[in-house]
C-alpha cells in the first residue's frame, strides 16, 4: 500500500502486498479498482498531511475565498470538510469568520487539527453520520470534499450523505484528479489502493444524478497534476453552466470511455517505465549519485512499478516528519530529512513529488546553483 511506510528493516519480511489493477466500466465510463482494502486499514493511522506544502497553502487560501464569495458565507453559516486532514483548508474559512467542522477518520491527523483549534469528528463520512451531524450542528451551506471521493467504496451513499447535510441553497464542492490529465500526461502514479475511482466528469455526472445532486459548474485546477473542482446542488437543475457541457464534449472527443484509448495509455506507461530505468541506469553507470526528493504515495506506485529499489536510489528525503526515519513500502528506500542533501550533495534528485516540482526546485536553489540537477519522471523522464 502506498502509505504503508515501514518503521524498521525487520518488518520487510512480513510486508503485505495487494493487487493493483485498473478497470474501465463500459456502461458508465468509470475507471476504477476492483480490489478494495478495508478503510480501517488504510486510513485510521495516516501519514499524509496537507500543511507541509506552500503550494497547497496558497491553493487552500484561494479556495476558501472563492467558496466564501460564491455563497456569500457569513458567521452563521457552516462549512463542513470531509477528510479535513490537519485542518489546513478550514483554517482559511475560519479567517473569514465562518463556522467550520472537519470530518477526519485518521485519529493521529484529527488530533493535529483539534490542537490547531479546528473542531473535528473522528469518523468516516456516511449518510448515517450526515443525519447525526445535521441534527447536532444544523445544515451546511458548503460541504468540501477534496481528494476523498475517490477513496470511497460506496460513492452513492457518500453523496446521499452530502445531500442530506446540505442546506437547500448549499453546494457540495468536490476536487478530484481528472482522468483526462491522468491519461494525457501518463500520471499513472496517481493509481494506488486508496484511490478506488479515477473520475471523468462524464462518470461523475451519472453518479451525482443517481444521488439526487445536480452538477452546476466545473473548473480546472492545477493541483495534483490537474484536477476538477465540481460544484453540485441538492436542488434540481435542468442544466449547469456552459463549462459542464464543454467538458463533457471534450471528454467524449478524447475517448475517455473508449477501451482502445486506455489500452494505448497502458502501452505508453510501459514505455515510460523503460525510459526512466534506462536514464537512471545510464547515470549510475557514469558514476553519478542519485537521491529522491519526496516520499509521496504516488511516488511509491512509481517506485514499485518501475522496480526502483535502494540499489538504484539509496535514499529519498521528505519534509513530513511522520515519514522521516521510515522505509518506502515495497522498495524499502530510507526516508531521510531534507537537510541530508546539504551534506551528501547527490548529483541528481529524482523528484517523486513531481506535482510540486516548481516548489521543490525553488527550495533547492542553492543545490541547483552548486551544480545539482533534477529528474522529473513524468510524462517523459527529463533532466532539469
Protein backbone atom coordinates (compact mmCIF):
# COMPACT_ATOMS: atom_id res chain seq x y z
CA UNK A 1 0.00 0.00 0.00
CA UNK A 2 1.30 3.41 -1.00
CA UNK A 3 1.22 4.92 2.50
CA UNK A 4 2.22 1.78 4.43
CA UNK A 5 5.68 3.02 5.35
CA UNK A 6 7.82 0.61 7.35
CA UNK A 7 9.41 1.62 10.64
CA UNK A 8 12.27 -0.87 10.69
CA UNK A 9 14.02 -3.41 8.49
CA UNK A 10 12.65 -6.36 10.47
CA UNK A 11 9.21 -5.55 9.01
CA UNK A 12 10.30 -6.17 5.40
CA UNK A 13 9.74 -9.93 5.50
CA UNK A 14 6.12 -9.68 6.69
CA UNK A 15 5.05 -6.78 4.44
CA UNK A 16 1.65 -7.37 2.83
CA UNK A 17 1.01 -6.90 -0.88
CA UNK A 18 -2.26 -6.38 -2.74
CA UNK A 19 -3.34 -6.40 -6.40
CA UNK A 20 -3.38 -3.02 -8.16
CA UNK A 21 -5.28 -3.41 -11.44
CA UNK A 22 -7.22 -0.71 -13.26
CA UNK A 23 -10.57 -1.36 -14.97
CA UNK A 24 -12.97 0.56 -17.21
CA UNK A 25 -16.73 0.23 -16.84
CA UNK A 26 -18.03 0.29 -20.41
CA UNK A 27 -21.53 1.16 -19.16
CA UNK A 28 -20.84 4.44 -17.30
CA UNK A 29 -17.21 5.16 -18.20
CA UNK A 30 -15.90 4.98 -14.63
CA UNK A 31 -12.25 3.91 -14.36
CA UNK A 32 -11.76 2.06 -11.09
CA UNK A 33 -10.08 -0.59 -8.97
CA UNK A 34 -11.99 -3.77 -8.19
CA UNK A 35 -9.84 -4.82 -5.22
CA UNK A 36 -10.91 -2.87 -2.12
CA UNK A 37 -8.83 -2.74 1.06
CA UNK A 38 -10.62 -2.19 4.38
CA UNK A 39 -10.62 1.60 5.03
CA UNK A 40 -9.83 0.90 8.70
CA UNK A 41 -6.50 -0.46 7.46
CA UNK A 42 -5.90 2.39 5.03
CA UNK A 43 -6.95 5.48 6.93
CA UNK A 44 -7.14 5.15 10.71
CA UNK A 45 -3.42 5.93 11.10
CA UNK A 46 -2.31 8.14 8.25
CA UNK A 47 0.97 9.79 7.24
CA UNK A 48 -0.12 12.38 4.67
CA UNK A 49 -0.63 15.93 5.95
CA UNK A 50 -1.61 18.88 3.77
CA UNK A 51 0.12 21.52 5.87
CA UNK A 52 3.69 20.83 4.70
CA UNK A 53 3.37 22.34 1.20
CA UNK A 54 3.42 26.05 0.42
CA UNK A 55 1.76 25.25 -2.91
CA UNK A 56 -1.20 23.68 -1.12
CA UNK A 57 -1.34 26.54 1.38
CA UNK A 58 -1.75 29.05 -1.47
CA UNK A 59 -4.31 26.79 -3.13
CA UNK A 60 -6.32 26.46 0.09
CA UNK A 61 -6.32 30.21 0.78
CA UNK A 62 -7.70 30.98 -2.69
CA UNK A 63 -10.13 28.05 -2.44
CA UNK A 64 -11.69 29.31 0.79
CA UNK A 65 -12.02 32.82 -0.63
CA UNK A 66 -13.71 31.52 -3.79
CA UNK A 67 -16.30 29.41 -1.95
CA UNK A 68 -16.96 32.13 0.66
CA UNK A 69 -17.58 34.72 -2.04
CA UNK A 70 -19.64 32.41 -4.28
CA UNK A 71 -22.06 31.53 -1.48
CA UNK A 72 -21.85 34.81 0.41
CA UNK A 73 -20.93 32.96 3.58
CA UNK A 74 -21.24 34.67 6.95
CA UNK A 75 -20.76 33.96 10.63
CA UNK A 76 -23.97 31.92 10.93
CA UNK A 77 -23.11 29.62 8.03
CA UNK A 78 -21.48 26.22 8.44
CA UNK A 79 -18.76 24.76 6.22
CA UNK A 80 -18.09 21.05 6.64
CA UNK A 81 -14.98 19.47 5.16
CA UNK A 82 -14.90 15.70 4.70
CA UNK A 83 -11.40 14.23 5.02
CA UNK A 84 -10.30 17.52 6.54
CA UNK A 85 -6.82 16.20 7.36
CA UNK A 86 -4.91 18.61 9.61
CA UNK A 87 -7.48 21.40 9.13
CA UNK A 88 -5.28 23.44 6.79
CA UNK A 89 -8.16 24.43 4.49
CA UNK A 90 -10.72 25.01 7.25
CA UNK A 91 -8.36 27.45 8.96
CA UNK A 92 -8.82 29.77 5.96
CA UNK A 93 -12.60 29.56 6.30
CA UNK A 94 -12.14 30.39 9.97
CA UNK A 95 -10.29 33.54 8.94
CA UNK A 96 -13.42 34.60 7.01
CA UNK A 97 -15.46 34.25 10.20
CA UNK A 98 -17.37 31.19 9.01
CA UNK A 99 -18.29 28.27 11.30
CA UNK A 100 -16.34 25.11 10.42
CA UNK A 101 -16.41 21.40 11.15
CA UNK A 102 -13.93 18.78 10.00
CA UNK A 103 -14.61 15.09 9.43
CA UNK A 104 -11.35 13.11 9.60
CA UNK A 105 -11.14 9.38 10.39
CA UNK A 106 -7.34 9.31 10.83
CA UNK A 107 -7.02 9.65 14.58
CA UNK A 108 -3.43 10.93 14.57
CA UNK A 109 -4.21 13.60 11.95
CA UNK A 110 -7.52 14.62 13.58
CA UNK A 111 -5.61 15.25 16.79
CA UNK A 112 -3.31 17.70 14.94
CA UNK A 113 -6.37 19.57 13.63
CA UNK A 114 -8.01 19.81 17.05
CA UNK A 115 -4.79 21.08 18.59
CA UNK A 116 -4.88 23.84 15.96
CA UNK A 117 -8.41 24.79 17.08
CA UNK A 118 -10.42 23.07 14.31
CA UNK A 119 -13.47 21.17 15.59
CA UNK A 120 -13.08 17.68 14.12
CA UNK A 121 -15.16 14.50 14.20
CA UNK A 122 -13.14 11.25 14.02
CA UNK A 123 -15.41 9.24 11.75
CA UNK A 124 -15.84 8.03 8.18
CA UNK A 125 -18.47 10.08 6.36
CA UNK A 126 -21.68 8.18 5.56
CA UNK A 127 -25.34 9.05 5.08
CA UNK A 128 -25.98 7.90 8.66
CA UNK A 129 -23.31 10.23 10.05
CA UNK A 130 -24.68 13.04 7.88
CA UNK A 131 -28.09 12.82 9.57
CA UNK A 132 -26.41 12.88 13.00
CA UNK A 133 -24.32 15.92 12.06
CA UNK A 134 -27.34 17.78 10.68
CA UNK A 135 -29.22 17.18 13.95
CA UNK A 136 -26.23 18.30 16.05
CA UNK A 137 -24.85 21.22 14.02
CA UNK A 138 -27.57 22.20 11.55
CA UNK A 139 -27.39 22.12 7.77
CA UNK A 140 -24.22 23.11 5.92
CA UNK A 141 -24.06 25.86 3.31
CA UNK A 142 -20.98 24.20 1.86
CA UNK A 143 -19.56 20.70 2.07
CA UNK A 144 -15.96 20.44 0.87
CA UNK A 145 -14.54 17.09 -0.20
CA UNK A 146 -11.02 17.28 -1.61
CA UNK A 147 -9.31 14.15 -2.90
CA UNK A 148 -11.59 11.90 -0.86
CA UNK A 149 -14.43 10.87 -3.19
CA UNK A 150 -12.03 8.53 -4.97
CA UNK A 151 -11.32 6.86 -1.62
CA UNK A 152 -14.93 5.85 -1.03
CA UNK A 153 -16.22 2.39 -1.94
CA UNK A 154 -19.91 3.29 -1.59
CA UNK A 155 -19.83 6.51 -3.61
CA UNK A 156 -23.60 6.84 -3.82
CA UNK A 157 -24.06 6.63 -0.03
CA UNK A 158 -21.38 9.31 0.42
CA UNK A 159 -23.23 11.60 -2.00
CA UNK A 160 -26.59 10.82 -0.38
CA UNK A 161 -24.99 11.91 2.88
CA UNK A 162 -23.80 15.17 1.36
CA UNK A 163 -27.29 15.86 0.01
CA UNK A 164 -28.76 15.14 3.45
CA UNK A 165 -26.40 17.53 5.24
CA UNK A 166 -26.59 20.38 2.73
CA UNK A 167 -28.92 23.32 3.13
CA UNK A 168 -31.32 23.75 0.17
CA UNK A 169 -29.23 26.67 -1.11
CA UNK A 170 -25.91 24.98 -0.31
CA UNK A 171 -23.25 23.46 -2.54
CA UNK A 172 -21.16 20.31 -2.47
CA UNK A 173 -17.67 21.23 -3.72
CA UNK A 174 -15.50 18.28 -4.68
CA UNK A 175 -11.96 18.22 -6.02
CA UNK A 176 -10.75 15.06 -7.77
CA UNK A 177 -7.76 14.28 -10.01
CA UNK A 178 -9.10 14.35 -13.56
CA UNK A 179 -8.94 11.23 -15.71
CA UNK A 180 -8.27 13.41 -18.76
CA UNK A 181 -4.96 14.66 -17.33
CA UNK A 182 -4.07 11.23 -15.93
CA UNK A 183 -4.34 9.68 -19.39
CA UNK A 184 -2.85 12.54 -21.44
CA UNK A 185 0.15 13.08 -19.13
CA UNK A 186 0.76 9.43 -18.11
CA UNK A 187 0.08 10.22 -14.45
CA UNK A 188 -0.15 6.53 -13.59
CA UNK A 189 1.40 7.10 -10.18
CA UNK A 190 -1.97 8.58 -9.17
CA UNK A 191 -3.14 4.95 -9.14
CA UNK A 192 -2.88 3.40 -5.67
CA UNK A 193 -5.09 1.43 -3.31
CA UNK A 194 -6.62 4.46 -1.59
CA UNK A 195 -7.87 5.75 -4.95
CA UNK A 196 -10.69 3.39 -5.88
CA UNK A 197 -12.03 5.63 -8.67
CA UNK A 198 -10.46 7.79 -11.40
CA UNK A 199 -13.10 10.28 -12.38
CA UNK A 200 -14.17 11.90 -15.58
CA UNK A 201 -16.99 14.43 -15.41
CA UNK A 202 -18.93 12.02 -17.62
CA UNK A 203 -18.91 9.34 -14.93
CA UNK A 204 -19.34 11.83 -12.07
CA UNK A 205 -22.45 13.36 -13.62
CA UNK A 206 -24.17 9.97 -13.68
CA UNK A 207 -23.21 9.15 -10.10
CA UNK A 208 -24.36 12.56 -8.86
CA UNK A 209 -27.68 12.24 -10.64
CA UNK A 210 -28.28 8.85 -9.01
CA UNK A 211 -27.77 10.51 -5.60
CA UNK A 212 -30.15 13.39 -6.34
CA UNK A 213 -27.47 16.02 -6.91
CA UNK A 214 -27.15 18.35 -9.89
CA UNK A 215 -23.76 19.35 -11.28
CA UNK A 216 -23.97 23.11 -11.72
CA UNK A 217 -20.39 24.10 -12.51
CA UNK A 218 -16.90 22.70 -13.03
CA UNK A 219 -13.45 24.28 -13.02
CA UNK A 220 -9.98 23.04 -13.87
CA UNK A 221 -7.46 23.41 -11.03
CA UNK A 222 -3.75 22.72 -11.33
CA UNK A 223 -3.09 20.78 -8.10
CA UNK A 224 -2.08 17.12 -8.12
CA UNK A 225 -1.24 17.06 -11.79
CA UNK A 226 -4.57 18.50 -12.91
CA UNK A 227 -7.86 18.20 -11.04
CA UNK A 228 -11.51 19.10 -11.41
CA UNK A 229 -13.42 21.21 -8.92
CA UNK A 230 -17.06 20.19 -9.28
CA UNK A 231 -19.93 22.19 -7.77
CA UNK A 232 -23.20 20.37 -7.14
CA UNK A 233 -26.55 21.46 -5.74
CA UNK A 234 -29.21 19.44 -3.87
CA UNK A 235 -31.84 21.43 -5.75
CA UNK A 236 -32.95 20.03 -9.12
CA UNK A 237 -31.43 21.86 -12.08
CA UNK A 238 -32.09 21.22 -15.75
CA UNK A 239 -28.53 22.05 -16.72
CA UNK A 240 -25.32 23.51 -15.41
CA UNK A 241 -23.05 26.20 -16.81
CA UNK A 242 -21.51 26.07 -20.25
CA UNK A 243 -18.32 24.74 -18.61
CA UNK A 244 -20.15 21.50 -17.79
CA UNK A 245 -21.35 20.92 -21.36
CA UNK A 246 -17.98 21.89 -22.79
CA UNK A 247 -16.05 19.47 -20.61
CA UNK A 248 -18.43 16.60 -21.34
CA UNK A 249 -17.86 17.23 -25.04
CA UNK A 250 -14.09 17.41 -24.52
CA UNK A 251 -14.08 14.06 -22.71
CA UNK A 252 -16.09 12.43 -25.48
CA UNK A 253 -13.63 13.73 -28.09
CA UNK A 254 -10.68 12.45 -26.02
CA UNK A 255 -12.17 8.94 -25.94
CA UNK A 256 -12.05 8.61 -22.15
CA UNK A 257 -14.76 5.92 -22.33
CA UNK A 258 -13.03 4.10 -25.16
CA UNK A 259 -11.14 0.89 -24.21
CA UNK A 260 -8.70 1.35 -27.10
CA UNK A 261 -7.67 4.80 -25.76
CA UNK A 262 -6.95 3.36 -22.33
CA UNK A 263 -5.08 0.41 -23.83
CA UNK A 264 -2.82 2.94 -25.58
CA UNK A 265 -2.36 4.68 -22.23
CA UNK A 266 -1.18 1.37 -20.75
CA UNK A 267 1.36 0.91 -23.55
CA UNK A 268 2.64 4.46 -23.07
CA UNK A 269 3.05 3.87 -19.35
CA UNK A 270 5.11 0.74 -20.03
CA UNK A 271 7.34 2.74 -22.37
CA UNK A 272 7.84 5.45 -19.73
CA UNK A 273 9.00 2.81 -17.24
CA UNK A 274 11.64 1.57 -19.69
CA UNK A 275 12.84 5.11 -20.40
CA UNK A 276 13.10 6.07 -16.71
CA UNK A 277 15.00 2.92 -15.80
CA UNK A 278 17.36 3.40 -18.76
CA UNK A 279 18.09 7.00 -17.68
CA UNK A 280 18.82 6.05 -14.07
CA UNK A 281 20.96 3.09 -15.08
CA UNK A 282 22.94 5.29 -17.50
CA UNK A 283 23.64 7.88 -14.82
CA UNK A 284 24.66 5.20 -12.32
CA UNK A 285 26.90 3.66 -14.97
CA UNK A 286 28.61 7.04 -15.38
CA UNK A 287 29.34 7.09 -11.65
CA UNK A 288 26.73 9.72 -10.80
CA UNK A 289 24.96 9.74 -7.43
CA UNK A 290 21.17 9.91 -7.32
CA UNK A 291 18.73 10.54 -4.47
CA UNK A 292 14.99 11.02 -4.35
CA UNK A 293 13.04 14.10 -3.31
CA UNK A 294 9.73 13.41 -1.62
CA UNK A 295 8.06 10.28 -0.30
CA UNK A 296 4.51 10.81 -1.59
CA UNK A 297 2.04 7.97 -2.01
CA UNK A 298 2.20 8.47 -5.77
CA UNK A 299 5.96 8.07 -5.67
CA UNK A 300 5.58 4.64 -4.14
CA UNK A 301 3.44 3.49 -7.06
CA UNK A 302 6.12 4.73 -9.45
CA UNK A 303 8.99 3.16 -7.49
CA UNK A 304 7.28 -0.23 -7.25
CA UNK A 305 6.04 -0.31 -10.86
CA UNK A 306 9.48 0.68 -12.17
CA UNK A 307 11.26 -1.62 -9.70
CA UNK A 308 13.46 1.18 -8.38
CA UNK A 309 14.91 -0.08 -5.10
CA UNK A 310 17.58 1.19 -2.70
CA UNK A 311 20.24 -0.26 -5.02
CA UNK A 312 19.39 2.37 -7.62
CA UNK A 313 18.04 5.07 -5.26
CA UNK A 314 19.83 4.77 -1.90
CA UNK A 315 17.56 7.26 -0.13
CA UNK A 316 14.88 9.90 -0.57
CA UNK A 317 14.17 12.99 1.54
CA UNK A 318 10.93 14.50 2.76
CA UNK A 319 9.69 17.40 4.89
CA UNK A 320 6.97 15.29 6.54
CA UNK A 321 8.24 14.24 9.97
CA UNK A 322 5.78 11.32 10.01
CA UNK A 323 7.71 9.70 7.15
CA UNK A 324 11.30 10.60 8.05
CA UNK A 325 13.11 7.61 9.56
CA UNK A 326 10.85 5.12 7.78
CA UNK A 327 11.29 3.00 4.64
CA UNK A 328 9.19 3.21 1.49
CA UNK A 329 6.70 0.35 1.06
CA UNK A 330 7.72 -2.38 -1.35
CA UNK A 331 11.03 -0.81 -2.38
CA UNK A 332 12.45 -0.22 1.14
CA UNK A 333 14.22 3.05 0.40
CA UNK A 334 15.13 5.04 3.56
CA UNK A 335 13.33 8.37 4.02
CA UNK A 336 15.72 10.97 5.42
CA UNK A 337 15.32 14.65 6.38
CA UNK A 338 15.74 17.28 3.66
CA UNK A 339 18.91 18.70 5.22
CA UNK A 340 20.64 15.43 4.28
CA UNK A 341 21.06 16.90 0.79
CA UNK A 342 23.33 19.67 2.05
CA UNK A 343 25.67 17.05 3.50
CA UNK A 344 25.64 14.32 0.84
CA UNK A 345 25.22 16.53 -2.27
CA UNK A 346 23.94 13.95 -4.77
CA UNK A 347 24.47 14.76 -8.44
CA UNK A 348 20.81 14.21 -9.31
CA UNK A 349 17.49 14.38 -7.48
CA UNK A 350 14.61 12.25 -8.76
CA UNK A 351 11.55 14.34 -7.88
CA UNK A 352 8.96 11.80 -6.78
CA UNK A 353 6.59 14.58 -5.68
CA UNK A 354 6.67 15.91 -9.25
CA UNK A 355 3.36 17.75 -8.82
CA UNK A 356 5.30 20.11 -6.52
CA UNK A 357 8.39 20.22 -8.75
CA UNK A 358 8.48 24.03 -9.08
CA UNK A 359 8.17 24.47 -5.32
CA UNK A 360 10.88 21.88 -4.65
CA UNK A 361 13.32 23.32 -7.19
CA UNK A 362 12.75 26.76 -5.70
CA UNK A 363 13.52 25.46 -2.22
CA UNK A 364 16.67 23.77 -3.54
CA UNK A 365 18.05 26.79 -5.42
CA UNK A 366 21.38 26.51 -3.58
CA UNK A 367 21.70 22.84 -4.55
CA UNK A 368 20.96 23.74 -8.16
CA UNK A 369 23.43 26.63 -8.17
CA UNK A 370 26.12 24.23 -6.94
CA UNK A 371 25.59 22.01 -9.99
CA UNK A 372 22.83 19.70 -8.77
CA UNK A 373 20.31 18.52 -11.32
CA UNK A 374 16.68 17.38 -11.10
CA UNK A 375 14.94 14.48 -12.80
CA UNK A 376 11.20 14.90 -13.40
CA UNK A 377 9.88 11.41 -14.22
CA UNK A 378 6.52 12.15 -15.91
CA UNK A 379 5.17 12.25 -18.54
CA UNK A 380 8.60 11.74 -20.16
CA UNK A 381 11.71 11.47 -17.95
CA UNK A 382 13.71 14.68 -18.31
CA UNK A 383 16.65 16.34 -16.62
CA UNK A 384 16.42 19.96 -15.43
